[in-house]
Structure formats: C-alpha cells, structure tokens
C-alpha cells in the first residue's frame, strides 16, 4: 500500500507530465504517432509557454522523487505508459526524463512558440 500512496502523490503533484507519459504515450501510442519525437514536438515545442513551465516544474519534482532508472521504470509501469525510452531513444528512462525537463526549460527560455512564429498557427 505504501507504493500505491506514493504513486498517487506523484500523480497528484505531476498531473500534466503523468498525462503526457500515460495518455499521449499510452500502450498503443505508436498507432497514432510515427515516433516519440512527434509527440514531443506537439506537446512541448508547439505548446504554450505556460504548459512548458508546468512541465519543467513537474519534471523537476519527478526527477527529485524518482532518483533511479528503476524507480522511473516502475512509475511508467504504474501509469500504464507504453513508452520505452531505451527502445525509442537509446536512453535510460531517467536520462530521457532529464532531457525532457531540459527541453521544457529551453522552450521556457525561448518563449511562446506562437509569438516566435514557430508553429503552423497564423500570427
């Protein structure tokens, strides 16, 4: 039961990231997307500044409480994520999360993609 309580708290404190990992990267995500990068372009690079700020904060939290690759793998399993970072990117799950956090931070530094003219939206 302790694990259950722990994971519920992690989900409560990182709902946006949990949604990305468990909903966008659901068990059959590859039927909807050609690759993991396509998901990240939509959900991070083309997302509003505020979404990236939230992801960055949540990923900082996740990396703090999930200190090992096995703990990240266990979390992915708990939320039924279909993503296997090692198979998709050649990176361990925790290293992949660090890269995701760094990508969100870079997007925050670069500002809103619509204002930068980097999406397909009309300015």
PDB file of N, CA and C in Angstrom:
ATOM      1  N   UNK A   1       0.818  -1.202   0.000  1.00  0.00           N
ATOM      2  CA  UNK A   1       0.000   0.000   0.000  1.00  0.00           C
ATOM      3  C   UNK A   1       0.857   1.260   0.000  1.00  0.00           C
ATOM      4  N   UNK A   2       2.054   1.165   0.547  1.00  0.00           N
ATOM      5  CA  UNK A   2       2.919   2.337   0.571  1.00  0.00           C
ATOM      6  C   UNK A   2       3.249   2.807  -0.839  1.00  0.00           C
ATOM      7  N   UNK A   3       3.537   1.857  -1.743  1.00  0.00           N
ATOM      8  CA  UNK A   3       3.817   2.223  -3.131  1.00  0.00           C
ATOM      9  C   UNK A   3       2.612   2.905  -3.760  1.00  0.00           C
ATOM     10  N   UNK A   4       1.440   2.370  -3.498  1.00  0.00           N
ATOM     11  CA  UNK A   4       0.209   2.943  -4.043  1.00  0.00           C
ATOM     12  C   UNK A   4       0.048   4.393  -3.578  1.00  0.00           C
ATOM     13  N   UNK A   5       0.240   4.646  -2.309  1.00  0.00           N
ATOM     14  CA  UNK A   5       0.137   6.006  -1.777  1.00  0.00           C
ATOM     15  C   UNK A   5       1.205   6.911  -2.385  1.00  0.00           C
ATOM     16  N   UNK A   6       2.405   6.386  -2.519  1.00  0.00           N
ATOM     17  CA  UNK A   6       3.493   7.159  -3.114  1.00  0.00           C
ATOM     18  C   UNK A   6       3.149   7.559  -4.546  1.00  0.00           C
ATOM     19  N   UNK A   7       2.729   6.593  -5.355  1.00  0.00           N
ATOM     20  CA  UNK A   7       2.422   6.892  -6.757  1.00  0.00           C
ATOM     21  C   UNK A   7       1.230   7.839  -6.890  1.00  0.00           C
ATOM     22  N   UNK A   8       0.255   7.686  -6.036  1.00  0.00           N
ATOM     23  CA  UNK A   8      -0.884   8.618  -6.073  1.00  0.00           C
ATOM     24  C   UNK A   8      -0.424  10.046  -5.791  1.00  0.00           C
ATOM     25  N   UNK A   9       0.489  10.190  -4.853  1.00  0.00           N
ATOM     26  CA  UNK A   9       1.025  11.521  -4.542  1.00  0.00           C
ATOM     27  C   UNK A   9       1.837  12.063  -5.717  1.00  0.00           C
ATOM     28  N   UNK A  10       2.621  11.221  -6.347  1.00  0.00           N
ATOM     29  CA  UNK A  10       3.401  11.650  -7.512  1.00  0.00           C
ATOM     30  C   UNK A  10       2.460  12.118  -8.622  1.00  0.00           C
ATOM     31  N   UNK A  11       1.418  11.357  -8.888  1.00  0.00           N
ATOM     32  CA  UNK A  11       0.445  11.737  -9.921  1.00  0.00           C
ATOM     33  C   UNK A  11      -0.241  13.040  -9.546  1.00  0.00           C
ATOM     34  N   UNK A  12      -0.598  13.186  -8.290  1.00  0.00           N
ATOM     35  CA  UNK A  12      -1.263  14.417  -7.837  1.00  0.00           C
ATOM     36  C   UNK A  12      -0.363  15.627  -8.035  1.00  0.00           C
ATOM     37  N   UNK A  13       0.939  15.465  -7.811  1.00  0.00           N
ATOM     38  CA  UNK A  13       1.866  16.589  -7.906  1.00  0.00           C
ATOM     39  C   UNK A  13       2.398  16.813  -9.314  1.00  0.00           C
ATOM     40  N   UNK A  14       2.186  15.851 -10.209  1.00  0.00           N
ATOM     41  CA  UNK A  14       2.694  15.987 -11.583  1.00  0.00           C
ATOM     42  C   UNK A  14       1.643  15.521 -12.595  1.00  0.00           C
ATOM     43  N   UNK A  15       0.450  16.141 -12.573  1.00  0.00           N
ATOM     44  CA  UNK A  15      -0.625  15.651 -13.447  1.00  0.00           C
ATOM     45  C   UNK A  15      -0.355  15.848 -14.941  1.00  0.00           C
ATOM     46  N   UNK A  16       0.247  16.949 -15.309  1.00  0.00           N
ATOM     47  CA  UNK A  16       0.496  17.212 -16.735  1.00  0.00           C
ATOM     48  C   UNK A  16       1.513  16.222 -17.296  1.00  0.00           C
ATOM     49  N   UNK A  17       2.567  15.980 -16.557  1.00  0.00           N
ATOM     50  CA  UNK A  17       3.586  15.029 -17.001  1.00  0.00           C
ATOM     51  C   UNK A  17       3.028  13.612 -17.001  1.00  0.00           C
ATOM     52  N   UNK A  18       2.231  13.277 -16.001  1.00  0.00           N
ATOM     53  CA  UNK A  18       1.603  11.960 -15.960  1.00  0.00           C
ATOM     54  C   UNK A  18       0.702  11.769 -17.166  1.00  0.00           C
ATOM     55  N   UNK A  19      -0.020  12.808 -17.550  1.00  0.00           N
ATOM     56  CA  UNK A  19      -0.872  12.731 -18.736  1.00  0.00           C
ATOM     57  C   UNK A  19      -0.036  12.508 -19.995  1.00  0.00           C
ATOM     58  N   UNK A  20       1.055  13.233 -20.117  1.00  0.00           N
ATOM     59  CA  UNK A  20       1.934  13.049 -21.274  1.00  0.00           C
ATOM     60  C   UNK A  20       2.435  11.605 -21.333  1.00  0.00           C
ATOM     61  N   UNK A  21       2.919  11.099 -20.219  1.00  0.00           N
ATOM     62  CA  UNK A  21       3.525   9.768 -20.190  1.00  0.00           C
ATOM     63  C   UNK A  21       2.507   8.638 -20.274  1.00  0.00           C
ATOM     64  N   UNK A  22       1.327   8.837 -19.697  1.00  0.00           N
ATOM     65  CA  UNK A  22       0.348   7.763 -19.637  1.00  0.00           C
ATOM     66  C   UNK A  22      -0.780   7.853 -20.635  1.00  0.00           C
ATOM     67  N   UNK A  23      -1.032   9.049 -21.163  1.00  0.00           N
ATOM     68  CA  UNK A  23      -2.121   9.220 -22.130  1.00  0.00           C
ATOM     69  C   UNK A  23      -1.561   9.371 -23.539  1.00  0.00           C
ATOM     70  N   UNK A  24      -0.718  10.362 -23.751  1.00  0.00           N
ATOM     71  CA  UNK A  24      -0.115  10.512 -25.084  1.00  0.00           C
ATOM     72  C   UNK A  24       0.713   9.282 -25.432  1.00  0.00           C
ATOM     73  N   UNK A  25       1.507   8.826 -24.460  1.00  0.00           N
ATOM     74  CA  UNK A  25       2.313   7.621 -24.656  1.00  0.00           C
ATOM     75  C   UNK A  25       1.594   6.425 -24.031  1.00  0.00           C
ATOM     76  N   UNK A  26       0.317   6.222 -24.438  1.00  0.00           N
ATOM     77  CA  UNK A  26      -0.439   5.091 -23.909  1.00  0.00           C
ATOM     78  C   UNK A  26       0.124   3.788 -24.481  1.00  0.00           C
ATOM     79  N   UNK A  27      -0.502   2.692 -24.151  1.00  0.00           N
ATOM     80  CA  UNK A  27       0.044   1.395 -24.546  1.00  0.00           C
ATOM     81  C   UNK A  27       0.081   1.178 -26.057  1.00  0.00           C
ATOM     82  N   UNK A  28      -0.743   1.908 -26.812  1.00  0.00           N
ATOM     83  CA  UNK A  28      -0.708   1.760 -28.275  1.00  0.00           C
ATOM     84  C   UNK A  28      -0.438   3.096 -28.981  1.00  0.00           C
ATOM     85  N   UNK A  29       0.361   3.939 -28.356  1.00  0.00           N
ATOM     86  CA  UNK A  29       0.646   5.272 -28.894  1.00  0.00           C
ATOM     87  C   UNK A  29       1.242   5.221 -30.291  1.00  0.00           C
ATOM     88  N   UNK A  30       1.924   4.151 -30.625  1.00  0.00           N
ATOM     89  CA  UNK A  30       2.593   4.080 -31.923  1.00  0.00           C
ATOM     90  C   UNK A  30       1.612   3.931 -33.084  1.00  0.00           C
ATOM     91  N   UNK A  31       0.348   3.651 -32.788  1.00  0.00           N
ATOM     92  CA  UNK A  31      -0.668   3.658 -33.838  1.00  0.00           C
ATOM     93  C   UNK A  31      -1.053   5.085 -34.216  1.00  0.00           C
ATOM     94  N   UNK A  32      -0.847   6.021 -33.297  1.00  0.00           N
ATOM     95  CA  UNK A  32      -1.230   7.417 -33.511  1.00  0.00           C
ATOM     96  C   UNK A  32      -0.071   8.309 -33.926  1.00  0.00           C
ATOM     97  N   UNK A  33       1.135   7.898 -33.636  1.00  0.00           N
ATOM     98  CA  UNK A  33       2.310   8.738 -33.871  1.00  0.00           C
ATOM     99  C   UNK A  33       3.403   7.941 -34.576  1.00  0.00           C
ATOM    100  N   UNK A  34       4.160   8.598 -35.467  1.00  0.00           N
ATOM    101  CA  UNK A  34       5.249   7.876 -36.139  1.00  0.00           C
ATOM    102  C   UNK A  34       6.434   7.588 -35.218  1.00  0.00           C
ATOM    103  N   UNK A  35       6.639   8.456 -34.218  1.00  0.00           N
ATOM    104  CA  UNK A  35       7.766   8.287 -33.301  1.00  0.00           C
ATOM    105  C   UNK A  35       7.562   9.176 -32.078  1.00  0.00           C
ATOM    106  N   UNK A  36       8.388   8.961 -31.072  1.00  0.00           N
ATOM    107  CA  UNK A  36       8.276   9.729 -29.827  1.00  0.00           C
ATOM    108  C   UNK A  36       8.536  11.211 -30.064  1.00  0.00           C
ATOM    109  N   UNK A  37       9.437  11.527 -30.954  1.00  0.00           N
ATOM    110  CA  UNK A  37       9.766  12.927 -31.237  1.00  0.00           C
ATOM    111  C   UNK A  37       8.538  13.706 -31.704  1.00  0.00           C
ATOM    112  N   UNK A  38       7.687  13.086 -32.495  1.00  0.00           N
ATOM    113  CA  UNK A  38       6.475  13.760 -32.978  1.00  0.00           C
ATOM    114  C   UNK A  38       5.561  14.157 -31.823  1.00  0.00           C
ATOM    115  N   UNK A  39       5.461  13.304 -30.828  1.00  0.00           N
ATOM    116  CA  UNK A  39       4.659  13.615 -29.643  1.00  0.00           C
ATOM    117  C   UNK A  39       5.261  14.810 -28.911  1.00  0.00           C
ATOM    118  N   UNK A  40       6.572  14.809 -28.770  1.00  0.00           N
ATOM    119  CA  UNK A  40       7.240  15.874 -28.022  1.00  0.00           C
ATOM    120  C   UNK A  40       7.179  17.210 -28.747  1.00  0.00           C
ATOM    121  N   UNK A  41       7.222  17.194 -30.060  1.00  0.00           N
ATOM    122  CA  UNK A  41       7.078  18.446 -30.812  1.00  0.00           C
ATOM    123  C   UNK A  41       5.713  19.044 -30.521  1.00  0.00           C
ATOM    124  N   UNK A  42       4.663  18.215 -30.575  1.00  0.00           N
ATOM    125  CA  UNK A  42       3.322  18.737 -30.318  1.00  0.00           C
ATOM    126  C   UNK A  42       3.146  19.165 -28.864  1.00  0.00           C
ATOM    127  N   UNK A  43       3.538  18.315 -27.932  1.00  0.00           N
ATOM    128  CA  UNK A  43       3.216  18.550 -26.525  1.00  0.00           C
ATOM    129  C   UNK A  43       4.198  19.454 -25.794  1.00  0.00           C
ATOM    130  N   UNK A  44       5.353  19.720 -26.381  1.00  0.00           N
ATOM    131  CA  UNK A  44       6.310  20.633 -25.762  1.00  0.00           C
ATOM    132  C   UNK A  44       6.642  21.798 -26.688  1.00  0.00           C
ATOM    133  N   UNK A  45       7.217  21.499 -27.828  1.00  0.00           N
ATOM    134  CA  UNK A  45       7.732  22.562 -28.692  1.00  0.00           C
ATOM    135  C   UNK A  45       6.634  23.471 -29.240  1.00  0.00           C
ATOM    136  N   UNK A  46       5.475  22.904 -29.573  1.00  0.00           N
ATOM    137  CA  UNK A  46       4.372  23.703 -30.104  1.00  0.00           C
ATOM    138  C   UNK A  46       3.390  24.136 -29.023  1.00  0.00           C
ATOM    139  N   UNK A  47       3.676  23.799 -27.789  1.00  0.00           N
ATOM    140  CA  UNK A  47       2.770  24.114 -26.681  1.00  0.00           C
ATOM    141  C   UNK A  47       3.009  25.533 -26.179  1.00  0.00           C
ATOM    142  N   UNK A  48       1.981  26.125 -25.571  1.00  0.00           N
ATOM    143  CA  UNK A  48       2.142  27.456 -24.984  1.00  0.00           C
ATOM    144  C   UNK A  48       3.224  27.471 -23.903  1.00  0.00           C
ATOM    145  N   UNK A  49       3.765  28.626 -23.684  1.00  0.00           N
ATOM    146  CA  UNK A  49       4.813  28.827 -22.684  1.00  0.00           C
ATOM    147  C   UNK A  49       4.405  28.258 -21.328  1.00  0.00           C
ATOM    148  N   UNK A  50       3.191  28.535 -20.898  1.00  0.00           N
ATOM    149  CA  UNK A  50       2.726  28.089 -19.575  1.00  0.00           C
ATOM    150  C   UNK A  50       2.776  26.568 -19.446  1.00  0.00           C
ATOM    151  N   UNK A  51       2.426  25.850 -20.512  1.00  0.00           N
ATOM    152  CA  UNK A  51       2.477  24.385 -20.463  1.00  0.00           C
ATOM    153  C   UNK A  51       3.903  23.893 -20.228  1.00  0.00           C
ATOM    154  N   UNK A  52       4.859  24.532 -20.881  1.00  0.00           N
ATOM    155  CA  UNK A  52       6.259  24.152 -20.689  1.00  0.00           C
ATOM    156  C   UNK A  52       6.741  24.503 -19.287  1.00  0.00           C
ATOM    157  N   UNK A  53       6.270  25.615 -18.743  1.00  0.00           N
ATOM    158  CA  UNK A  53       6.633  25.973 -17.365  1.00  0.00           C
ATOM    159  C   UNK A  53       6.131  24.916 -16.393  1.00  0.00           C
ATOM    160  N   UNK A  54       4.890  24.480 -16.595  1.00  0.00           N
ATOM    161  CA  UNK A  54       4.309  23.450 -15.733  1.00  0.00           C
ATOM    162  C   UNK A  54       5.086  22.143 -15.871  1.00  0.00           C
ATOM    163  N   UNK A  55       5.370  21.745 -17.107  1.00  0.00           N
ATOM    164  CA  UNK A  55       6.131  20.512 -17.322  1.00  0.00           C
ATOM    165  C   UNK A  55       7.509  20.585 -16.681  1.00  0.00           C
ATOM    166  N   UNK A  56       8.171  21.702 -16.816  1.00  0.00           N
ATOM    167  CA  UNK A  56       9.505  21.850 -16.229  1.00  0.00           C
ATOM    168  C   UNK A  56       9.443  21.675 -14.709  1.00  0.00           C
ATOM    169  N   UNK A  57       8.486  22.315 -14.072  1.00  0.00           N
ATOM    170  CA  UNK A  57       8.333  22.210 -12.618  1.00  0.00           C
ATOM    171  C   UNK A  57       8.009  20.777 -12.205  1.00  0.00           C
ATOM    172  N   UNK A  58       7.070  20.167 -12.919  1.00  0.00           N
ATOM    173  CA  UNK A  58       6.691  18.799 -12.587  1.00  0.00           C
ATOM    174  C   UNK A  58       7.843  17.823 -12.816  1.00  0.00           C
ATOM    175  N   UNK A  59       8.584  18.016 -13.887  1.00  0.00           N
ATOM    176  CA  UNK A  59       9.714  17.127 -14.168  1.00  0.00           C
ATOM    177  C   UNK A  59      10.826  17.303 -13.136  1.00  0.00           C
ATOM    178  N   UNK A  60      11.038  18.519 -12.665  1.00  0.00           N
ATOM    179  CA  UNK A  60      11.989  18.721 -11.564  1.00  0.00           C
ATOM    180  C   UNK A  60      11.565  17.892 -10.351  1.00  0.00           C
ATOM    181  N   UNK A  61      10.278  17.943 -10.047  1.00  0.00           N
ATOM    182  CA  UNK A  61       9.747  17.167  -8.925  1.00  0.00           C
ATOM    183  C   UNK A  61       9.940  15.661  -9.160  1.00  0.00           C
ATOM    184  N   UNK A  62       9.543  15.188 -10.342  1.00  0.00           N
ATOM    185  CA  UNK A  62       9.672  13.760 -10.643  1.00  0.00           C
ATOM    186  C   UNK A  62      11.115  13.285 -10.525  1.00  0.00           C
ATOM    187  N   UNK A  63      12.032  14.067 -11.070  1.00  0.00           N
ATOM    188  CA  UNK A  63      13.441  13.680 -11.010  1.00  0.00           C
ATOM    189  C   UNK A  63      13.961  13.670  -9.573  1.00  0.00           C
ATOM    190  N   UNK A  64      13.367  14.491  -8.731  1.00  0.00           N
ATOM    191  CA  UNK A  64      13.753  14.514  -7.321  1.00  0.00           C
ATOM    192  C   UNK A  64      13.259  13.269  -6.584  1.00  0.00           C
ATOM    193  N   UNK A  65      12.018  12.871  -6.848  1.00  0.00           N
ATOM    194  CA  UNK A  65      11.448  11.742  -6.096  1.00  0.00           C
ATOM    195  C   UNK A  65      11.690  10.389  -6.757  1.00  0.00           C
ATOM    196  N   UNK A  66      11.985  10.387  -8.049  1.00  0.00           N
ATOM    197  CA  UNK A  66      12.291   9.141  -8.763  1.00  0.00           C
ATOM    198  C   UNK A  66      13.777   9.170  -9.100  1.00  0.00           C
ATOM    199  N   UNK A  67      14.589   8.803  -8.138  1.00  0.00           N
ATOM    200  CA  UNK A  67      16.029   9.013  -8.239  1.00  0.00           C
ATOM    201  C   UNK A  67      16.812   7.973  -9.010  1.00  0.00           C
ATOM    202  N   UNK A  68      16.158   6.906  -9.434  1.00  0.00           N
ATOM    203  CA  UNK A  68      16.873   5.855 -10.162  1.00  0.00           C
ATOM    204  C   UNK A  68      16.096   5.475 -11.415  1.00  0.00           C
ATOM    205  N   UNK A  69      16.795   4.827 -12.334  1.00  0.00           N
ATOM    206  CA  UNK A  69      16.109   4.338 -13.530  1.00  0.00           C
ATOM    207  C   UNK A  69      15.009   3.350 -13.168  1.00  0.00           C
ATOM    208  N   UNK A  70      15.269   2.489 -12.208  1.00  0.00           N
ATOM    209  CA  UNK A  70      14.248   1.501 -11.845  1.00  0.00           C
ATOM    210  C   UNK A  70      13.016   2.167 -11.243  1.00  0.00           C
ATOM    211  N   UNK A  71      13.191   3.242 -10.486  1.00  0.00           N
ATOM    212  CA  UNK A  71      12.019   3.933  -9.932  1.00  0.00           C
ATOM    213  C   UNK A  71      11.226   4.631 -11.036  1.00  0.00           C
ATOM    214  N   UNK A  72      11.909   5.165 -12.036  1.00  0.00           N
ATOM    215  CA  UNK A  72      11.207   5.768 -13.178  1.00  0.00           C
ATOM    216  C   UNK A  72      10.490   4.677 -13.966  1.00  0.00           C
ATOM    217  N   UNK A  73      11.162   3.559 -14.205  1.00  0.00           N
ATOM    218  CA  UNK A  73      10.527   2.439 -14.911  1.00  0.00           C
ATOM    219  C   UNK A  73       9.285   1.955 -14.167  1.00  0.00           C
ATOM    220  N   UNK A  74       9.377   1.853 -12.852  1.00  0.00           N
ATOM    221  CA  UNK A  74       8.229   1.426 -12.048  1.00  0.00           C
ATOM    222  C   UNK A  74       7.081   2.425 -12.168  1.00  0.00           C
ATOM    223  N   UNK A  75       7.402   3.704 -12.189  1.00  0.00           N
ATOM    224  CA  UNK A  75       6.365   4.723 -12.349  1.00  0.00           C
ATOM    225  C   UNK A  75       5.714   4.606 -13.724  1.00  0.00           C
ATOM    226  N   UNK A  76       6.513   4.429 -14.770  1.00  0.00           N
ATOM    227  CA  UNK A  76       5.963   4.242 -16.120  1.00  0.00           C
ATOM    228  C   UNK A  76       4.997   3.054 -16.133  1.00  0.00           C
ATOM    229  N   UNK A  77       5.376   1.980 -15.474  1.00  0.00           N
ATOM    230  CA  UNK A  77       4.520   0.792 -15.403  1.00  0.00           C
ATOM    231  C   UNK A  77       3.238   1.108 -14.642  1.00  0.00           C
ATOM    232  N   UNK A  78       3.352   1.814 -13.533  1.00  0.00           N
ATOM    233  CA  UNK A  78       2.185   2.137 -12.711  1.00  0.00           C
ATOM    234  C   UNK A  78       1.152   2.941 -13.498  1.00  0.00           C
ATOM    235  N   UNK A  79       1.604   3.879 -14.327  1.00  0.00           N
ATOM    236  CA  UNK A  79       0.663   4.724 -15.076  1.00  0.00           C
ATOM    237  C   UNK A  79       0.329   4.136 -16.448  1.00  0.00           C
ATOM    238  N   UNK A  80       0.749   2.916 -16.706  1.00  0.00           N
ATOM    239  CA  UNK A  80       0.484   2.224 -17.973  1.00  0.00           C
ATOM    240  C   UNK A  80       1.043   2.963 -19.179  1.00  0.00           C
ATOM    241  N   UNK A  81       2.213   3.538 -19.022  1.00  0.00           N
ATOM    242  CA  UNK A  81       2.858   4.188 -20.161  1.00  0.00           C
ATOM    243  C   UNK A  81       3.331   3.115 -21.136  1.00  0.00           C
ATOM    244  N   UNK A  82       3.131   3.382 -22.407  1.00  0.00           N
ATOM    245  CA  UNK A  82       3.600   2.468 -23.440  1.00  0.00           C
ATOM    246  C   UNK A  82       4.962   2.852 -23.976  1.00  0.00           C
ATOM    247  N   UNK A  83       5.553   3.887 -23.410  1.00  0.00           N
ATOM    248  CA  UNK A  83       6.845   4.368 -23.892  1.00  0.00           C
ATOM    249  C   UNK A  83       7.985   3.587 -23.250  1.00  0.00           C
ATOM    250  N   UNK A  84       8.909   3.166 -24.084  1.00  0.00           N
ATOM    251  CA  UNK A  84      10.149   2.548 -23.620  1.00  0.00           C
ATOM    252  C   UNK A  84      11.285   3.430 -24.132  1.00  0.00           C
ATOM    253  N   UNK A  85      11.740   4.388 -23.317  1.00  0.00           N
ATOM    254  CA  UNK A  85      12.767   5.314 -23.792  1.00  0.00           C
ATOM    255  C   UNK A  85      14.021   4.624 -24.319  1.00  0.00           C
ATOM    256  N   UNK A  86      14.401   3.516 -23.709  1.00  0.00           N
ATOM    257  CA  UNK A  86      15.601   2.818 -24.164  1.00  0.00           C
ATOM    258  C   UNK A  86      15.418   2.315 -25.597  1.00  0.00           C
ATOM    259  N   UNK A  87      14.270   1.740 -25.887  1.00  0.00           N
ATOM    260  CA  UNK A  87      13.998   1.242 -27.240  1.00  0.00           C
ATOM    261  C   UNK A  87      13.806   2.385 -28.234  1.00  0.00           C
ATOM    262  N   UNK A  88      13.145   3.456 -27.796  1.00  0.00           N
ATOM    263  CA  UNK A  88      12.836   4.572 -28.694  1.00  0.00           C
ATOM    264  C   UNK A  88      14.011   5.504 -28.935  1.00  0.00           C
ATOM    265  N   UNK A  89      14.809   5.740 -27.896  1.00  0.00           N
ATOM    266  CA  UNK A  89      15.848   6.777 -27.993  1.00  0.00           C
ATOM    267  C   UNK A  89      17.249   6.285 -27.651  1.00  0.00           C
ATOM    268  N   UNK A  90      17.338   5.090 -27.111  1.00  0.00           N
ATOM    269  CA  UNK A  90      18.638   4.593 -26.676  1.00  0.00           C
ATOM    270  C   UNK A  90      19.067   5.134 -25.323  1.00  0.00           C
ATOM    271  N   UNK A  91      18.168   5.858 -24.656  1.00  0.00           N
ATOM    272  CA  UNK A  91      18.471   6.438 -23.345  1.00  0.00           C
ATOM    273  C   UNK A  91      17.705   5.696 -22.263  1.00  0.00           C
ATOM    274  N   UNK A  92      18.293   5.649 -21.074  1.00  0.00           N
ATOM    275  CA  UNK A  92      17.546   5.094 -19.951  1.00  0.00           C
ATOM    276  C   UNK A  92      16.359   6.004 -19.660  1.00  0.00           C
ATOM    277  N   UNK A  93      15.392   5.474 -18.940  1.00  0.00           N
ATOM    278  CA  UNK A  93      14.178   6.246 -18.670  1.00  0.00           C
ATOM    279  C   UNK A  93      14.465   7.528 -17.896  1.00  0.00           C
ATOM    280  N   UNK A  94      15.340   7.463 -16.914  1.00  0.00           N
ATOM    281  CA  UNK A  94      15.633   8.664 -16.119  1.00  0.00           C
ATOM    282  C   UNK A  94      16.417   9.680 -16.945  1.00  0.00           C
ATOM    283  N   UNK A  95      17.367   9.221 -17.734  1.00  0.00           N
ATOM    284  CA  UNK A  95      18.116  10.123 -18.615  1.00  0.00           C
ATOM    285  C   UNK A  95      17.173  10.785 -19.610  1.00  0.00           C
ATOM    286  N   UNK A  96      16.206  10.025 -20.117  1.00  0.00           N
ATOM    287  CA  UNK A  96      15.223  10.579 -21.044  1.00  0.00           C
ATOM    288  C   UNK A  96      14.389  11.666 -20.354  1.00  0.00           C
ATOM    289  N   UNK A  97      13.983  11.417 -19.095  1.00  0.00           N
ATOM    290  CA  UNK A  97      13.225  12.436 -18.351  1.00  0.00           C
ATOM    291  C   UNK A  97      14.057  13.695 -18.129  1.00  0.00           C
ATOM    292  N   UNK A  98      15.340  13.537 -17.877  1.00  0.00           N
ATOM    293  CA  UNK A  98      16.218  14.705 -17.726  1.00  0.00           C
ATOM    294  C   UNK A  98      16.227  15.503 -19.028  1.00  0.00           C
ATOM    295  N   UNK A  99      16.341  14.820 -20.145  1.00  0.00           N
ATOM    296  CA  UNK A  99      16.302  15.501 -21.442  1.00  0.00           C
ATOM    297  C   UNK A  99      14.972  16.184 -21.691  1.00  0.00           C
ATOM    298  N   UNK A 100      13.881  15.551 -21.262  1.00  0.00           N
ATOM    299  CA  UNK A 100      12.554  16.147 -21.405  1.00  0.00           C
ATOM    300  C   UNK A 100      12.453  17.421 -20.570  1.00  0.00           C
ATOM    301  N   UNK A 101      12.948  17.369 -19.337  1.00  0.00           N
ATOM    302  CA  UNK A 101      12.958  18.546 -18.471  1.00  0.00           C
ATOM    303  C   UNK A 101      13.798  19.668 -19.080  1.00  0.00           C
ATOM    304  N   UNK A 102      14.954  19.309 -19.616  1.00  0.00           N
ATOM    305  CA  UNK A 102      15.825  20.304 -20.242  1.00  0.00           C
ATOM    306  C   UNK A 102      15.176  20.906 -21.488  1.00  0.00           C
ATOM    307  N   UNK A 103      14.433  20.104 -22.211  1.00  0.00           N
ATOM    308  CA  UNK A 103      13.724  20.597 -23.397  1.00  0.00           C
ATOM    309  C   UNK A 103      12.631  21.581 -22.991  1.00  0.00           C
ATOM    310  N   UNK A 104      11.872  21.247 -21.956  1.00  0.00           N
ATOM    311  CA  UNK A 104      10.846  22.167 -21.458  1.00  0.00           C
ATOM    312  C   UNK A 104      11.490  23.466 -20.984  1.00  0.00           C
ATOM    313  N   UNK A 105      12.619  23.371 -20.286  1.00  0.00           N
ATOM    314  CA  UNK A 105      13.326  24.570 -19.806  1.00  0.00           C
ATOM    315  C   UNK A 105      13.803  25.424 -20.978  1.00  0.00           C
ATOM    316  N   UNK A 106      14.314  24.786 -22.011  1.00  0.00           N
ATOM    317  CA  UNK A 106      14.754  25.525 -23.200  1.00  0.00           C
ATOM    318  C   UNK A 106      13.564  26.231 -23.856  1.00  0.00           C
ATOM    319  N   UNK A 107      12.434  25.545 -23.933  1.00  0.00           N
ATOM    320  CA  UNK A 107      11.242  26.157 -24.512  1.00  0.00           C
ATOM    321  C   UNK A 107      10.768  27.342 -23.679  1.00  0.00           C
ATOM    322  N   UNK A 108      10.901  27.246 -22.367  1.00  0.00           N
ATOM    323  CA  UNK A 108      10.542  28.373 -21.493  1.00  0.00           C
ATOM    324  C   UNK A 108      11.465  29.556 -21.780  1.00  0.00           C
ATOM    325  N   UNK A 109      12.745  29.292 -21.884  1.00  0.00           N
ATOM    326  CA  UNK A 109      13.705  30.374 -22.184  1.00  0.00           C
ATOM    327  C   UNK A 109      13.425  31.016 -23.544  1.00  0.00           C
ATOM    328  N   UNK A 110      12.998  30.212 -24.504  1.00  0.00           N
ATOM    329  CA  UNK A 110      12.759  30.718 -25.863  1.00  0.00           C
ATOM    330  C   UNK A 110      11.429  31.445 -26.008  1.00  0.00           C
ATOM    331  N   UNK A 111      10.516  31.269 -25.073  1.00  0.00           N
ATOM    332  CA  UNK A 111       9.236  31.965 -25.123  1.00  0.00           C
ATOM    333  C   UNK A 111       8.165  31.178 -25.851  1.00  0.00           C
ATOM    334  N   UNK A 112       7.010  31.803 -25.994  1.00  0.00           N
ATOM    335  CA  UNK A 112       5.842  31.169 -26.592  1.00  0.00           C
ATOM    336  C   UNK A 112       6.078  30.883 -28.072  1.00  0.00           C
ATOM    337  N   UNK A 113       5.790  29.660 -28.549  1.00  0.00           N
ATOM    338  CA  UNK A 113       6.056  29.327 -29.948  1.00  0.00           C
ATOM    339  C   UNK A 113       5.214  30.130 -30.933  1.00  0.00           C
ATOM    340  N   UNK A 114       3.998  30.497 -30.550  1.00  0.00           N
ATOM    341  CA  UNK A 114       3.156  31.287 -31.446  1.00  0.00           C
ATOM    342  C   UNK A 114       3.764  32.665 -31.641  1.00  0.00           C
ATOM    343  N   UNK A 115       4.243  33.259 -30.560  1.00  0.00           N
ATOM    344  CA  UNK A 115       4.877  34.573 -30.657  1.00  0.00           C
ATOM    345  C   UNK A 115       6.175  34.516 -31.448  1.00  0.00           C
ATOM    346  N   UNK A 116       6.855  33.360 -31.395  1.00  0.00           N
ATOM    347  CA  UNK A 116       8.094  33.198 -32.155  1.00  0.00           C
ATOM    348  C   UNK A 116       7.822  32.841 -33.606  1.00  0.00           C
ATOM    349  N   UNK A 117       6.569  32.493 -33.924  1.00  0.00           N
ATOM    350  CA  UNK A 117       6.237  32.096 -35.285  1.00  0.00           C
ATOM    351  C   UNK A 117       6.744  30.713 -35.640  1.00  0.00           C
ATOM    352  N   UNK A 118       6.875  29.833 -34.645  1.00  0.00           N
ATOM    353  CA  UNK A 118       7.428  28.507 -34.893  1.00  0.00           C
ATOM    354  C   UNK A 118       6.381  27.411 -34.982  1.00  0.00           C
ATOM    355  N   UNK A 119       5.126  27.757 -35.021  1.00  0.00           N
ATOM    356  CA  UNK A 119       4.104  26.733 -35.225  1.00  0.00           C
ATOM    357  C   UNK A 119       3.401  27.031 -36.532  1.00  0.00           C
ATOM    358  N   UNK A 120       2.477  26.188 -36.875  1.00  0.00           N
ATOM    359  CA  UNK A 120       1.716  26.400 -38.095  1.00  0.00           C
ATOM    360  C   UNK A 120       0.610  27.428 -37.932  1.00  0.00           C
ATOM    361  N   UNK A 121       0.486  27.997 -36.735  1.00  0.00           N
ATOM    362  CA  UNK A 121      -0.579  28.964 -36.483  1.00  0.00           C
ATOM    363  C   UNK A 121      -0.275  30.304 -37.139  1.00  0.00           C
ATOM    364  N   UNK A 122      -1.335  30.994 -37.508  1.00  0.00           N
ATOM    365  CA  UNK A 122      -1.204  32.323 -38.093  1.00  0.00           C
ATOM    366  C   UNK A 122      -0.950  33.322 -36.982  1.00  0.00           C
ATOM    367  N   UNK A 123       0.047  34.171 -37.178  1.00  0.00           N
ATOM    368  CA  UNK A 123       0.373  35.177 -36.160  1.00  0.00           C
ATOM    369  C   UNK A 123      -0.542  36.360 -36.243  1.00  0.00           C
TER     370      UNK A 123
END
